[in-house]
Each structure stands twice: as C-alpha cells, then as structure tokens.
PDB file of N, CA and C in Angstrom:
ATOM      1  N   UNK A   1      77.972  37.051 252.062  1.00  0.00           N
ATOM      2  CA  UNK A   1      76.755  37.580 252.578  1.00  0.00           C
ATOM      3  C   UNK A   1      77.100  37.621 254.086  1.00  0.00           C
ATOM      4  N   UNK A   2      76.970  38.466 254.978  1.00  0.00           N
ATOM      5  CA  UNK A   2      76.726  38.797 256.252  1.00  0.00           C
ATOM      6  C   UNK A   2      75.392  38.504 256.834  1.00  0.00           C
ATOM      7  N   UNK A   3      75.606  38.043 257.971  1.00  0.00           N
ATOM      8  CA  UNK A   3      74.290  37.618 258.455  1.00  0.00           C
ATOM      9  C   UNK A   3      73.343  38.784 258.971  1.00  0.00           C
ATOM     10  N   UNK A   4      73.981  40.008 258.756  1.00  0.00           N
ATOM     11  CA  UNK A   4      73.083  41.540 259.349  1.00  0.00           C
ATOM     12  C   UNK A   4      72.572  42.180 258.061  1.00  0.00           C
ATOM     13  N   UNK A   5      72.965  41.425 257.001  1.00  0.00           N
ATOM     14  CA  UNK A   5      72.377  41.928 255.659  1.00  0.00           C
ATOM     15  C   UNK A   5      70.945  41.425 255.688  1.00  0.00           C
ATOM     16  N   UNK A   6      70.126  42.178 255.056  1.00  0.00           N
ATOM     17  CA  UNK A   6      68.576  41.963 254.944  1.00  0.00           C
ATOM     18  C   UNK A   6      68.813  40.752 253.786  1.00  0.00           C
ATOM     19  N   UNK A   7      67.607  39.585 253.555  1.00  0.00           N
ATOM     20  CA  UNK A   7      67.710  38.797 252.586  1.00  0.00           C
ATOM     21  C   UNK A   7      66.649  39.316 251.585  1.00  0.00           C
ATOM     22  N   UNK A   8      66.925  39.119 250.209  1.00  0.00           N
ATOM     23  CA  UNK A   8      65.950  39.462 249.099  1.00  0.00           C
ATOM     24  C   UNK A   8      64.488  38.691 249.457  1.00  0.00           C
ATOM     25  N   UNK A   9      63.276  39.188 249.461  1.00  0.00           N
ATOM     26  CA  UNK A   9      62.251  38.395 249.480  1.00  0.00           C
ATOM     27  C   UNK A   9      62.216  37.110 248.295  1.00  0.00           C
ATOM     28  N   UNK A  10      61.382  36.303 248.750  1.00  0.00           N
ATOM     29  CA  UNK A  10      61.425  35.204 247.967  1.00  0.00           C
ATOM     30  C   UNK A  10      60.363  35.513 246.806  1.00  0.00           C
ATOM     31  N   UNK A  11      60.553  35.015 245.394  1.00  0.00           N
ATOM     32  CA  UNK A  11      59.751  35.310 244.881  1.00  0.00           C
ATOM     33  C   UNK A  11      58.189  34.542 244.422  1.00  0.00           C
ATOM     34  N   UNK A  12      57.257  34.777 244.327  1.00  0.00           N
ATOM     35  CA  UNK A  12      56.449  34.074 244.656  1.00  0.00           C
ATOM     36  C   UNK A  12      56.037  32.925 243.570  1.00  0.00           C
ATOM     37  N   UNK A  13      55.656  31.938 243.669  1.00  0.00           N
ATOM     38  CA  UNK A  13      55.897  30.718 242.458  1.00  0.00           C
ATOM     39  C   UNK A  13      54.668  30.809 241.847  1.00  0.00           C
ATOM     40  N   UNK A  14      54.815  30.472 240.545  1.00  0.00           N
ATOM     41  CA  UNK A  14      53.618  30.224 239.691  1.00  0.00           C
ATOM     42  C   UNK A  14      52.593  29.277 240.015  1.00  0.00           C
ATOM     43  N   UNK A  15      51.598  29.348 240.018  1.00  0.00           N
ATOM     44  CA  UNK A  15      50.497  28.595 240.049  1.00  0.00           C
ATOM     45  C   UNK A  15      49.510  28.579 239.346  1.00  0.00           C
ATOM     46  N   UNK A  16      48.901  27.387 239.369  1.00  0.00           N
ATOM     47  CA  UNK A  16      47.904  26.836 238.211  1.00  0.00           C
ATOM     48  C   UNK A  16      46.981  28.139 237.463  1.00  0.00           C
ATOM     49  N   UNK A  17      46.468  28.890 239.015  1.00  0.00           N
ATOM     50  CA  UNK A  17      45.750  30.195 239.123  1.00  0.00           C
ATOM     51  C   UNK A  17      46.097  31.217 238.203  1.00  0.00           C
ATOM     52  N   UNK A  18      47.504  31.487 238.361  1.00  0.00           N
ATOM     53  CA  UNK A  18      48.174  32.460 237.865  1.00  0.00           C
ATOM     54  C   UNK A  18      48.218  32.097 236.360  1.00  0.00           C
ATOM     55  N   UNK A  19      48.718  31.076 235.998  1.00  0.00           N
ATOM     56  CA  UNK A  19      48.777  30.507 234.461  1.00  0.00           C
ATOM     57  C   UNK A  19      47.491  30.906 233.982  1.00  0.00           C
ATOM     58  N   UNK A  20      46.259  30.444 234.647  1.00  0.00           N
ATOM     59  CA  UNK A  20      44.965  30.632 234.049  1.00  0.00           C
ATOM     60  C   UNK A  20      44.554  32.010 233.653  1.00  0.00           C
ATOM     61  N   UNK A  21      45.093  32.899 234.733  1.00  0.00           N
ATOM     62  CA  UNK A  21      44.849  34.273 234.847  1.00  0.00           C
ATOM     63  C   UNK A  21      45.631  34.582 233.469  1.00  0.00           C
ATOM     64  N   UNK A  22      46.868  34.373 233.283  1.00  0.00           N
ATOM     65  CA  UNK A  22      47.375  35.027 232.241  1.00  0.00           C
ATOM     66  C   UNK A  22      46.735  34.453 230.744  1.00  0.00           C
ATOM     67  N   UNK A  23      46.215  33.320 230.579  1.00  0.00           N
ATOM     68  CA  UNK A  23      45.504  32.880 229.621  1.00  0.00           C
ATOM     69  C   UNK A  23      44.272  33.627 229.219  1.00  0.00           C
ATOM     70  N   UNK A  24      43.511  34.002 230.388  1.00  0.00           N
ATOM     71  CA  UNK A  24      42.109  34.908 230.146  1.00  0.00           C
ATOM     72  C   UNK A  24      42.559  36.373 229.939  1.00  0.00           C
ATOM     73  N   UNK A  25      43.913  37.017 230.571  1.00  0.00           N
ATOM     74  CA  UNK A  25      44.519  38.055 229.861  1.00  0.00           C
ATOM     75  C   UNK A  25      44.812  38.178 228.160  1.00  0.00           C
ATOM     76  N   UNK A  26      45.465  37.048 227.944  1.00  0.00           N
ATOM     77  CA  UNK A  26      45.725  36.528 226.721  1.00  0.00           C
ATOM     78  C   UNK A  26      44.491  36.795 225.651  1.00  0.00           C
ATOM     79  N   UNK A  27      43.475  36.031 226.011  1.00  0.00           N
ATOM     80  CA  UNK A  27      42.172  35.799 225.499  1.00  0.00           C
ATOM     81  C   UNK A  27      41.412  37.175 225.465  1.00  0.00           C
ATOM     82  N   UNK A  28      41.650  38.185 226.305  1.00  0.00           N
ATOM     83  CA  UNK A  28      41.142  39.117 226.187  1.00  0.00           C
ATOM     84  C   UNK A  28      41.624  40.275 225.445  1.00  0.00           C
ATOM     85  N   UNK A  29      42.823  39.894 225.181  1.00  0.00           N
ATOM     86  CA  UNK A  29      43.646  41.077 224.300  1.00  0.00           C
ATOM     87  C   UNK A  29      43.511  40.511 222.799  1.00  0.00           C
ATOM     88  N   UNK A  30      43.301  39.286 222.808  1.00  0.00           N
ATOM     89  CA  UNK A  30      43.117  38.472 221.468  1.00  0.00           C
ATOM     90  C   UNK A  30      41.418  39.120 220.618  1.00  0.00           C
ATOM     91  N   UNK A  31      40.684  39.159 221.891  1.00  0.00           N
ATOM     92  CA  UNK A  31      39.556  39.275 221.581  1.00  0.00           C
ATOM     93  C   UNK A  31      39.186  41.087 221.252  1.00  0.00           C
ATOM     94  N   UNK A  32      40.123  41.810 221.686  1.00  0.00           N
ATOM     95  CA  UNK A  32      39.829  43.464 221.988  1.00  0.00           C
ATOM     96  C   UNK A  32      40.296  43.798 220.540  1.00  0.00           C
ATOM     97  N   UNK A  33      41.514  43.038 220.179  1.00  0.00           N
ATOM     98  CA  UNK A  33      42.077  42.769 219.032  1.00  0.00           C
ATOM     99  C   UNK A  33      41.078  42.965 217.470  1.00  0.00           C
ATOM    100  N   UNK A  34      40.480  41.678 217.761  1.00  0.00           N
ATOM    101  CA  UNK A  34      39.911  41.019 217.140  1.00  0.00           C
ATOM    102  C   UNK A  34      38.380  42.037 216.711  1.00  0.00           C
ATOM    103  N   UNK A  35      38.021  42.260 217.826  1.00  0.00           N
ATOM    104  CA  UNK A  35      36.465  43.270 218.077  1.00  0.00           C
ATOM    105  C   UNK A  35      37.111  44.835 217.263  1.00  0.00           C
ATOM    106  N   UNK A  36      38.382  45.278 217.451  1.00  0.00           N
ATOM    107  CA  UNK A  36      38.628  46.552 216.760  1.00  0.00           C
ATOM    108  C   UNK A  36      38.880  46.181 215.197  1.00  0.00           C
ATOM    109  N   UNK A  37      39.547  45.305 214.768  1.00  0.00           N
ATOM    110  CA  UNK A  37      39.400  44.623 213.451  1.00  0.00           C
ATOM    111  C   UNK A  37      38.278  44.759 212.772  1.00  0.00           C
ATOM    112  N   UNK A  38      37.225  44.029 213.568  1.00  0.00           N
ATOM    113  CA  UNK A  38      35.906  43.681 212.839  1.00  0.00           C
ATOM    114  C   UNK A  38      35.146  45.350 212.879  1.00  0.00           C
ATOM    115  N   UNK A  39      35.359  46.225 213.917  1.00  0.00           N
ATOM    116  CA  UNK A  39      34.618  47.323 213.846  1.00  0.00           C
ATOM    117  C   UNK A  39      35.381  48.258 212.585  1.00  0.00           C
ATOM    118  N   UNK A  40      36.611  48.346 212.654  1.00  0.00           N
ATOM    119  CA  UNK A  40      37.033  49.004 211.305  1.00  0.00           C
ATOM    120  C   UNK A  40      36.567  48.414 210.057  1.00  0.00           C
ATOM    121  N   UNK A  41      36.769  47.284 209.950  1.00  0.00           N
ATOM    122  CA  UNK A  41      36.322  46.570 208.489  1.00  0.00           C
ATOM    123  C   UNK A  41      34.925  46.622 208.388  1.00  0.00           C
ATOM    124  N   UNK A  42      33.932  47.167 209.361  1.00  0.00           N
ATOM    125  CA  UNK A  42      32.578  47.167 209.007  1.00  0.00           C
ATOM    126  C   UNK A  42      32.086  48.701 208.482  1.00  0.00           C
ATOM    127  N   UNK A  43      33.298  49.516 209.349  1.00  0.00           N
ATOM    128  CA  UNK A  43      33.120  51.086 208.780  1.00  0.00           C
ATOM    129  C   UNK A  43      33.577  51.070 207.508  1.00  0.00           C
ATOM    130  N   UNK A  44      34.839  50.528 207.288  1.00  0.00           N
ATOM    131  CA  UNK A  44      35.369  50.643 205.916  1.00  0.00           C
ATOM    132  C   UNK A  44      34.119  49.968 204.782  1.00  0.00           C
ATOM    133  N   UNK A  45      33.585  48.941 205.292  1.00  0.00           N
ATOM    134  CA  UNK A  45      32.431  48.251 204.299  1.00  0.00           C
ATOM    135  C   UNK A  45      31.486  49.585 204.004  1.00  0.00           C
ATOM    136  N   UNK A  46      31.201  49.902 204.999  1.00  0.00           N
ATOM    137  CA  UNK A  46      29.904  50.913 204.913  1.00  0.00           C
ATOM    138  C   UNK A  46      30.401  51.954 204.225  1.00  0.00           C
ATOM    139  N   UNK A  47      31.665  52.893 204.345  1.00  0.00           N
ATOM    140  CA  UNK A  47      32.033  53.593 203.545  1.00  0.00           C
ATOM    141  C   UNK A  47      32.246  53.223 202.246  1.00  0.00           C
ATOM    142  N   UNK A  48      32.612  52.288 201.684  1.00  0.00           N
ATOM    143  CA  UNK A  48      32.866  51.611 200.173  1.00  0.00           C
ATOM    144  C   UNK A  48      31.419  51.641 199.646  1.00  0.00           C
ATOM    145  N   UNK A  49      30.447  51.212 200.419  1.00  0.00           N
ATOM    146  CA  UNK A  49      29.012  50.992 199.990  1.00  0.00           C
ATOM    147  C   UNK A  49      28.479  52.560 199.976  1.00  0.00           C
ATOM    148  N   UNK A  50      28.529  53.253 200.641  1.00  0.00           N
ATOM    149  CA  UNK A  50      28.125  54.650 200.550  1.00  0.00           C
ATOM    150  C   UNK A  50      28.487  55.491 199.289  1.00  0.00           C
ATOM    151  N   UNK A  51      29.648  55.024 198.754  1.00  0.00           N
ATOM    152  CA  UNK A  51      30.495  55.797 197.694  1.00  0.00           C
ATOM    153  C   UNK A  51      30.381  54.926 196.368  1.00  0.00           C
ATOM    154  N   UNK A  52      29.308  53.728 196.371  1.00  0.00           N
ATOM    155  CA  UNK A  52      28.701  53.330 195.290  1.00  0.00           C
ATOM    156  C   UNK A  52      29.821  51.938 194.689  1.00  0.00           C
ATOM    157  N   UNK A  53      30.766  51.945 195.750  1.00  0.00           N
ATOM    158  CA  UNK A  53      31.799  50.475 195.303  1.00  0.00           C
ATOM    159  C   UNK A  53      30.997  49.366 196.186  1.00  0.00           C
ATOM    160  N   UNK A  54      31.570  48.026 195.641  1.00  0.00           N
ATOM    161  CA  UNK A  54      31.253  46.974 195.971  1.00  0.00           C
ATOM    162  C   UNK A  54      31.900  46.575 197.095  1.00  0.00           C
ATOM    163  N   UNK A  55      31.277  46.357 198.330  1.00  0.00           N
ATOM    164  CA  UNK A  55      31.678  46.099 199.176  1.00  0.00           C
ATOM    165  C   UNK A  55      32.174  44.650 199.609  1.00  0.00           C
ATOM    166  N   UNK A  56      32.262  44.098 198.752  1.00  0.00           N
ATOM    167  CA  UNK A  56      32.494  42.472 198.647  1.00  0.00           C
ATOM    168  C   UNK A  56      33.523  41.969 199.762  1.00  0.00           C
ATOM    169  N   UNK A  57      34.810  42.900 199.047  1.00  0.00           N
ATOM    170  CA  UNK A  57      36.105  42.503 199.758  1.00  0.00           C
ATOM    171  C   UNK A  57      36.578  42.820 201.147  1.00  0.00           C
ATOM    172  N   UNK A  58      35.703  43.930 201.448  1.00  0.00           N
ATOM    173  CA  UNK A  58      35.434  44.186 203.111  1.00  0.00           C
ATOM    174  C   UNK A  58      34.531  42.982 203.777  1.00  0.00           C
ATOM    175  N   UNK A  59      33.622  42.803 203.396  1.00  0.00           N
ATOM    176  CA  UNK A  59      32.703  41.611 203.789  1.00  0.00           C
ATOM    177  C   UNK A  59      33.286  40.489 203.935  1.00  0.00           C
ATOM    178  N   UNK A  60      34.264  40.088 202.879  1.00  0.00           N
ATOM    179  CA  UNK A  60      34.911  38.923 202.977  1.00  0.00           C
ATOM    180  C   UNK A  60      35.949  38.836 204.009  1.00  0.00           C
ATOM    181  N   UNK A  61      36.468  39.835 204.469  1.00  0.00           N
ATOM    182  CA  UNK A  61      37.517  40.328 205.356  1.00  0.00           C
ATOM    183  C   UNK A  61      36.952  39.823 206.613  1.00  0.00           C
ATOM    184  N   UNK A  62      35.671  40.617 206.701  1.00  0.00           N
ATOM    185  CA  UNK A  62      34.820  40.578 207.870  1.00  0.00           C
ATOM    186  C   UNK A  62      34.588  39.177 208.509  1.00  0.00           C
ATOM    187  N   UNK A  63      34.262  38.428 207.341  1.00  0.00           N
ATOM    188  CA  UNK A  63      33.735  36.844 207.443  1.00  0.00           C
ATOM    189  C   UNK A  63      34.600  35.919 207.677  1.00  0.00           C
ATOM    190  N   UNK A  64      35.830  36.228 207.305  1.00  0.00           N
ATOM    191  CA  UNK A  64      37.222  35.612 207.283  1.00  0.00           C
ATOM    192  C   UNK A  64      37.719  35.759 208.887  1.00  0.00           C
ATOM    193  N   UNK A  65      37.549  36.818 209.255  1.00  0.00           N
ATOM    194  CA  UNK A  65      38.176  37.428 210.662  1.00  0.00           C
ATOM    195  C   UNK A  65      37.004  36.524 211.798  1.00  0.00           C
ATOM    196  N   UNK A  66      35.730  36.261 211.730  1.00  0.00           N
ATOM    197  CA  UNK A  66      34.857  35.636 212.117  1.00  0.00           C
ATOM    198  C   UNK A  66      35.330  33.975 212.095  1.00  0.00           C
ATOM    199  N   UNK A  67      35.367  33.955 211.241  1.00  0.00           N
ATOM    200  CA  UNK A  67      35.451  32.288 211.023  1.00  0.00           C
ATOM    201  C   UNK A  67      36.803  32.012 211.617  1.00  0.00           C
ATOM    202  N   UNK A  68      37.940  32.771 211.213  1.00  0.00           N
ATOM    203  CA  UNK A  68      39.508  32.448 211.997  1.00  0.00           C
ATOM    204  C   UNK A  68      39.490  32.709 213.683  1.00  0.00           C
ATOM    205  N   UNK A  69      38.740  33.726 214.085  1.00  0.00           N
ATOM    206  CA  UNK A  69      38.983  33.762 215.451  1.00  0.00           C
ATOM    207  C   UNK A  69      38.137  33.801 216.612  1.00  0.00           C
ATOM    208  N   UNK A  70      36.664  33.377 216.005  1.00  0.00           N
ATOM    209  CA  UNK A  70      35.608  33.199 216.940  1.00  0.00           C
ATOM    210  C   UNK A  70      35.879  31.518 217.540  1.00  0.00           C
ATOM    211  N   UNK A  71      36.313  30.345 217.031  1.00  0.00           N
ATOM    212  CA  UNK A  71      36.542  29.384 217.495  1.00  0.00           C
ATOM    213  C   UNK A  71      37.949  29.423 218.545  1.00  0.00           C
ATOM    214  N   UNK A  72      38.829  30.264 218.034  1.00  0.00           N
ATOM    215  CA  UNK A  72      39.874  30.336 219.162  1.00  0.00           C
ATOM    216  C   UNK A  72      39.589  30.983 220.763  1.00  0.00           C
ATOM    217  N   UNK A  73      38.654  32.129 220.420  1.00  0.00           N
ATOM    218  CA  UNK A  73      37.991  32.903 221.520  1.00  0.00           C
ATOM    219  C   UNK A  73      37.453  31.962 222.357  1.00  0.00           C
ATOM    220  N   UNK A  74      36.436  31.434 221.700  1.00  0.00           N
ATOM    221  CA  UNK A  74      35.451  30.196 222.590  1.00  0.00           C
ATOM    222  C   UNK A  74      36.161  29.041 222.949  1.00  0.00           C
ATOM    223  N   UNK A  75      37.171  28.834 222.568  1.00  0.00           N
ATOM    224  CA  UNK A  75      37.997  27.418 223.045  1.00  0.00           C
ATOM    225  C   UNK A  75      38.819  27.870 224.506  1.00  0.00           C
ATOM    226  N   UNK A  76      39.331  29.147 224.059  1.00  0.00           N
ATOM    227  CA  UNK A  76      40.383  29.601 225.202  1.00  0.00           C
ATOM    228  C   UNK A  76      39.283  30.047 226.196  1.00  0.00           C
ATOM    229  N   UNK A  77      38.219  30.441 226.268  1.00  0.00           N
ATOM    230  CA  UNK A  77      37.383  30.933 227.300  1.00  0.00           C
ATOM    231  C   UNK A  77      36.666  29.430 228.234  1.00  0.00           C
ATOM    232  N   UNK A  78      36.849  28.576 227.549  1.00  0.00           N
ATOM    233  CA  UNK A  78      36.547  27.428 228.397  1.00  0.00           C
ATOM    234  C   UNK A  78      37.086  26.931 229.365  1.00  0.00           C
ATOM    235  N   UNK A  79      36.716  26.115 230.454  1.00  0.00           N
ATOM    236  CA  UNK A  79      37.717  25.964 231.832  1.00  0.00           C
ATOM    237  C   UNK A  79      38.201  24.656 231.157  1.00  0.00           C
ATOM    238  N   UNK A  80      39.461  24.654 231.823  1.00  0.00           N
ATOM    239  CA  UNK A  80      40.214  23.141 231.395  1.00  0.00           C
ATOM    240  C   UNK A  80      40.011  22.045 232.132  1.00  0.00           C
ATOM    241  N   UNK A  81      39.795  21.027 231.587  1.00  0.00           N
ATOM    242  CA  UNK A  81      39.286  19.772 232.245  1.00  0.00           C
ATOM    243  C   UNK A  81      40.213  19.324 233.550  1.00  0.00           C
ATOM    244  N   UNK A  82      39.497  19.268 234.745  1.00  0.00           N
ATOM    245  CA  UNK A  82      40.513  18.376 235.509  1.00  0.00           C
ATOM    246  C   UNK A  82      41.254  17.147 235.564  1.00  0.00           C
ATOM    247  N   UNK A  83      42.370  16.752 235.456  1.00  0.00           N
ATOM    248  CA  UNK A  83      42.531  15.711 235.559  1.00  0.00           C
ATOM    249  C   UNK A  83      42.416  14.690 236.770  1.00  0.00           C
ATOM    250  N   UNK A  84      41.966  13.251 236.506  1.00  0.00           N
ATOM    251  CA  UNK A  84      41.820  12.506 237.636  1.00  0.00           C
ATOM    252  C   UNK A  84      43.218  11.994 237.998  1.00  0.00           C
ATOM    253  N   UNK A  85      43.427  12.326 239.363  1.00  0.00           N
ATOM    254  CA  UNK A  85      44.570  11.786 239.782  1.00  0.00           C
ATOM    255  C   UNK A  85      44.658  10.618 240.862  1.00  0.00           C
ATOM    256  N   UNK A  86      45.608   9.599 240.405  1.00  0.00           N
ATOM    257  CA  UNK A  86      45.192   8.045 241.461  1.00  0.00           C
ATOM    258  C   UNK A  86      45.541   8.308 242.496  1.00  0.00           C
TER     259      UNK A  86
END
C-alpha cells in the first residue's frame, strides 16, 4: 500500500446502544407479525361464525398466540438491568 493511497474509513464499533436498538427492532418485528396473525385469525373466526360453523379452533389459535407471544414481547421491551461494577 502506497502512502498516497487513501485509507478505507474505519467501521464503527458496535456499542451497547446499537445492540439495544437491534433488540428493539427485533421486538417490533415479532410484535408486527404477531399482530398480523392475530388480525387474520380474528377475521377467520368471524368468517366461520357468520357461515354457521364453530369458530372454536380459530379462537383456540388466537388464545395460543396470545399466551405464547405476549410474555416475550413484554420481556423484550423491558430495559436491561445495569450491572454494578466494582
């Protein structure tokens, strides 16, 4: 490498803040997919009910999605605890 050649700019280091923002993006993506699934399942349950069918399976899927995803979403939205450094 010759001294006259320009150097490539250094890549920024990953910080705790950027890791936190990636976590928030992941949480938002999970929440968006879960919300779309919930909306689609509620519409499917309504369609079954209007045709005279039993919407129990759709409501069961809706309840299962709430039970599985809600704790994850709330846990990931919580701020991490600071570790005390001696």
